Amino acid sequence: MDDIFNRKDLICFNIIATVSHGFIIFLWHRDSNQSCIKLMKSLIKNKKENQTDAIIRFAFEYLENVFITPLWWEGLNTKQQDSIERRVANVSNHNQNCLVPDKHFYADWKPISFDTNVPKLQQANY
């Protein structure tokens, strides 16, 4: 059983799609700054063109409820689908390096801006 007195850092993560754009939102309480800022720095460290794929890997690796359009899924090749299915099926031994680029590319969407109210992250180059 988990130690209920050992507080865990928490982060909220959401991807919102609109007709013309998408938004990826990470939120956390300042008490979780240490690990959440470290996570964001790891994401930002990726080349801009690799960040969307990193976020997709992160979502399928760690989120329990992921909803996608069938059109996007059917547009993936078998190796891409298999890679995502392995991440979804891996419920107890998560890949700690899921932000690191791998050989799979899932989307051609590129970030166009990065906004934050966290001073330690404000130097991101966008």
C-alpha atoms as a PDB file:
ATOM      1  CA  MET A   1       0.000   0.000   0.000  1.00  0.00           C
ATOM      2  CA  ASP A   2       1.219   3.493  -0.787  1.00  0.00           C
ATOM      3  CA  ASP A   3       2.493   5.699   2.016  1.00  0.00           C
ATOM      4  CA  ILE A   4      -0.330   8.208   2.500  1.00  0.00           C
ATOM      5  CA  PHE A   5       2.001  10.566   4.362  1.00  0.00           C
ATOM      6  CA  ASN A   6       4.477  10.768   1.490  1.00  0.00           C
ATOM      7  CA  ARG A   7       3.046  13.623  -0.577  1.00  0.00           C
ATOM      8  CA  LYS A   8       3.414  13.266  -4.333  1.00  0.00           C
ATOM      9  CA  ASP A   9       3.846  16.118  -6.754  1.00  0.00           C
ATOM     10  CA  LEU A  10       0.887  16.424  -9.096  1.00  0.00           C
ATOM     11  CA  ILE A  11       0.507  17.914 -12.553  1.00  0.00           C
ATOM     12  CA  CYS A  12      -2.610  18.433 -14.660  1.00  0.00           C
ATOM     13  CA  PHE A  13      -2.223  17.997 -18.384  1.00  0.00           C
ATOM     14  CA  ASN A  14      -4.723  18.660 -21.151  1.00  0.00           C
ATOM     15  CA  ILE A  15      -4.712  18.877 -24.925  1.00  0.00           C
ATOM     16  CA  ILE A  16      -7.462  20.963 -26.465  1.00  0.00           C
ATOM     17  CA  ALA A  17      -8.129  20.916 -30.197  1.00  0.00           C
ATOM     18  CA  THR A  18      -9.949  23.651 -32.063  1.00  0.00           C
ATOM     19  CA  VAL A  19     -10.756  23.986 -35.750  1.00  0.00           C
ATOM     20  CA  SER A  20      -7.585  25.933 -36.494  1.00  0.00           C
ATOM     21  CA  HIS A  21      -5.241  25.339 -33.542  1.00  0.00           C
ATOM     22  CA  GLY A  22      -4.510  23.177 -30.561  1.00  0.00           C
ATOM     23  CA  PHE A  23      -3.483  23.998 -27.039  1.00  0.00           C
ATOM     24  CA  ILE A  24      -1.414  21.895 -24.678  1.00  0.00           C
ATOM     25  CA  ILE A  25      -1.771  22.950 -21.075  1.00  0.00           C
ATOM     26  CA  PHE A  26       0.249  21.873 -18.048  1.00  0.00           C
ATOM     27  CA  LEU A  27      -0.897  23.112 -14.628  1.00  0.00           C
ATOM     28  CA  TRP A  28       0.401  22.473 -11.145  1.00  0.00           C
ATOM     29  CA  HIS A  29       0.377  23.920  -7.661  1.00  0.00           C
ATOM     30  CA  ARG A  30       3.532  25.783  -6.617  1.00  0.00           C
ATOM     31  CA  ASP A  31       4.174  23.086  -3.991  1.00  0.00           C
ATOM     32  CA  SER A  32       4.912  20.769  -6.930  1.00  0.00           C
ATOM     33  CA  ASN A  33       7.298  23.223  -8.634  1.00  0.00           C
ATOM     34  CA  GLN A  34      10.467  21.180  -8.172  1.00  0.00           C
ATOM     35  CA  SER A  35       9.449  18.115 -10.173  1.00  0.00           C
ATOM     36  CA  CYS A  36       7.038  19.890 -12.550  1.00  0.00           C
ATOM     37  CA  ILE A  37       9.587  22.508 -13.605  1.00  0.00           C
ATOM     38  CA  LYS A  38      12.080  19.694 -14.157  1.00  0.00           C
ATOM     39  CA  LEU A  39       9.540  17.941 -16.396  1.00  0.00           C
ATOM     40  CA  MET A  40       8.885  21.136 -18.384  1.00  0.00           C
ATOM     41  CA  LYS A  41      12.615  21.789 -18.818  1.00  0.00           C
ATOM     42  CA  SER A  42      12.997  18.249 -20.171  1.00  0.00           C
ATOM     43  CA  LEU A  43      10.226  18.908 -22.671  1.00  0.00           C
ATOM     44  CA  ILE A  44      11.606  22.298 -23.719  1.00  0.00           C
ATOM     45  CA  LYS A  45      15.064  20.770 -24.144  1.00  0.00           C
ATOM     46  CA  ASN A  46      13.703  18.848 -27.151  1.00  0.00           C
ATOM     47  CA  LYS A  47      14.053  20.517 -30.504  1.00  0.00           C
ATOM     48  CA  LYS A  48      10.888  22.433 -31.274  1.00  0.00           C
ATOM     49  CA  GLU A  49      10.008  20.036 -34.115  1.00  0.00           C
ATOM     50  CA  ASN A  50      10.197  17.049 -31.704  1.00  0.00           C
ATOM     51  CA  GLN A  51       8.071  18.500 -28.899  1.00  0.00           C
ATOM     52  CA  THR A  52       4.676  17.460 -30.272  1.00  0.00           C
ATOM     53  CA  ASP A  53       5.782  13.837 -30.581  1.00  0.00           C
ATOM     54  CA  ALA A  54       7.226  13.999 -27.047  1.00  0.00           C
ATOM     55  CA  ILE A  55       3.887  15.231 -25.713  1.00  0.00           C
ATOM     56  CA  ILE A  56       2.033  12.484 -27.590  1.00  0.00           C
ATOM     57  CA  ARG A  57       4.366   9.859 -26.073  1.00  0.00           C
ATOM     58  CA  PHE A  58       3.891  11.427 -22.633  1.00  0.00           C
ATOM     59  CA  ALA A  59       0.089  11.393 -22.971  1.00  0.00           C
ATOM     60  CA  PHE A  60      -0.137   7.736 -23.969  1.00  0.00           C
ATOM     61  CA  GLU A  61       2.498   6.715 -21.419  1.00  0.00           C
ATOM     62  CA  TYR A  62       0.939   8.392 -18.373  1.00  0.00           C
ATOM     63  CA  LEU A  63      -2.694   9.357 -18.949  1.00  0.00           C
ATOM     64  CA  GLU A  64      -5.528   6.958 -18.301  1.00  0.00           C
ATOM     65  CA  ASN A  65      -8.119   8.718 -20.444  1.00  0.00           C
ATOM     66  CA  VAL A  66      -6.948   9.687 -23.908  1.00  0.00           C
ATOM     67  CA  PHE A  67      -9.455  10.466 -26.615  1.00  0.00           C
ATOM     68  CA  ILE A  68      -8.306  10.774 -30.223  1.00  0.00           C
ATOM     69  CA  THR A  69      -9.920  11.175 -33.589  1.00  0.00           C
ATOM     70  CA  PRO A  70     -10.201   7.928 -35.565  1.00  0.00           C
ATOM     71  CA  LEU A  71      -8.946   9.829 -38.610  1.00  0.00           C
ATOM     72  CA  TRP A  72      -5.626  10.562 -36.863  1.00  0.00           C
ATOM     73  CA  TRP A  73      -5.289   6.968 -35.582  1.00  0.00           C
ATOM     74  CA  GLU A  74      -6.044   5.455 -38.992  1.00  0.00           C
ATOM     75  CA  GLY A  75      -3.450   7.773 -40.531  1.00  0.00           C
ATOM     76  CA  LEU A  76      -0.705   6.152 -38.445  1.00  0.00           C
ATOM     77  CA  ASN A  77       1.201   3.185 -39.804  1.00  0.00           C
ATOM     78  CA  THR A  78       1.259  -0.167 -37.983  1.00  0.00           C
ATOM     79  CA  LYS A  79       4.596   0.508 -36.244  1.00  0.00           C
ATOM     80  CA  GLN A  80       3.342   3.851 -34.909  1.00  0.00           C
ATOM     81  CA  GLN A  81       0.103   2.273 -33.672  1.00  0.00           C
ATOM     82  CA  ASP A  82       2.010  -0.625 -32.063  1.00  0.00           C
ATOM     83  CA  SER A  83       4.310   1.819 -30.268  1.00  0.00           C
ATOM     84  CA  ILE A  84       1.340   3.733 -28.845  1.00  0.00           C
ATOM     85  CA  GLU A  85      -0.480   0.524 -27.882  1.00  0.00           C
ATOM     86  CA  ARG A  86       2.609  -0.644 -25.931  1.00  0.00           C
ATOM     87  CA  ARG A  87       2.609   2.654 -24.023  1.00  0.00           C
ATOM     88  CA  VAL A  88      -1.106   2.368 -23.228  1.00  0.00           C
ATOM     89  CA  ALA A  89      -0.760  -1.247 -22.071  1.00  0.00           C
ATOM     90  CA  ASN A  90       2.192  -0.394 -19.823  1.00  0.00           C
ATOM     91  CA  VAL A  91       0.298   0.517 -16.657  1.00  0.00           C
ATOM     92  CA  SER A  92       2.895  -0.202 -13.972  1.00  0.00           C
ATOM     93  CA  ASN A  93       6.364   0.253 -15.482  1.00  0.00           C
ATOM     94  CA  HIS A  94       6.296   3.604 -17.264  1.00  0.00           C
ATOM     95  CA  ASN A  95       9.059   4.683 -19.595  1.00  0.00           C
ATOM     96  CA  GLN A  96      10.822   7.453 -17.688  1.00  0.00           C
ATOM     97  CA  ASN A  97      12.401   8.683 -20.930  1.00  0.00           C
ATOM     98  CA  CYS A  98       9.215   9.153 -22.926  1.00  0.00           C
ATOM     99  CA  LEU A  99      10.123  12.788 -23.702  1.00  0.00           C
ATOM    100  CA  VAL A 100      13.359  11.711 -25.388  1.00  0.00           C
ATOM    101  CA  PRO A 101      12.969  11.420 -29.177  1.00  0.00           C
ATOM    102  CA  ASP A 102      12.551   7.896 -30.485  1.00  0.00           C
ATOM    103  CA  LYS A 103      12.195   6.536 -34.010  1.00  0.00           C
ATOM    104  CA  HIS A 104       8.441   7.175 -34.180  1.00  0.00           C
ATOM    105  CA  PHE A 105       6.837  10.363 -35.429  1.00  0.00           C
ATOM    106  CA  TYR A 106       3.120  10.703 -34.789  1.00  0.00           C
ATOM    107  CA  ALA A 107       2.180  14.188 -35.915  1.00  0.00           C
ATOM    108  CA  ASP A 108       3.430  17.028 -38.061  1.00  0.00           C
ATOM    109  CA  TRP A 109       1.979  19.718 -35.793  1.00  0.00           C
ATOM    110  CA  LYS A 110       4.618  22.151 -34.605  1.00  0.00           C
ATOM    111  CA  PRO A 111       4.462  24.428 -31.567  1.00  0.00           C
ATOM    112  CA  ILE A 112       4.158  28.107 -32.426  1.00  0.00           C
ATOM    113  CA  SER A 113       4.295  29.660 -28.978  1.00  0.00           C
ATOM    114  CA  PHE A 114       5.070  28.915 -25.375  1.00  0.00           C
ATOM    115  CA  ASP A 115       3.506  30.913 -22.546  1.00  0.00           C
ATOM    116  CA  THR A 116       4.264  30.530 -18.867  1.00  0.00           C
ATOM    117  CA  ASN A 117       3.996  32.380 -15.591  1.00  0.00           C
ATOM    118  CA  VAL A 118       6.885  30.372 -14.129  1.00  0.00           C
ATOM    119  CA  PRO A 119       9.999  32.589 -14.086  1.00  0.00           C
ATOM    120  CA  LYS A 120      12.369  29.598 -14.349  1.00  0.00           C
ATOM    121  CA  LEU A 121      10.726  28.648 -17.666  1.00  0.00           C
ATOM    122  CA  GLN A 122      10.317  32.089 -19.227  1.00  0.00           C
ATOM    123  CA  GLN A 123      13.584  31.908 -21.146  1.00  0.00           C
ATOM    124  CA  ALA A 124      12.219  29.248 -23.525  1.00  0.00           C
ATOM    125  CA  ASN A 125      13.070  30.197 -27.112  1.00  0.00           C
ATOM    126  CA  TYR A 126       9.883  30.525 -29.143  1.00  0.00           C
END
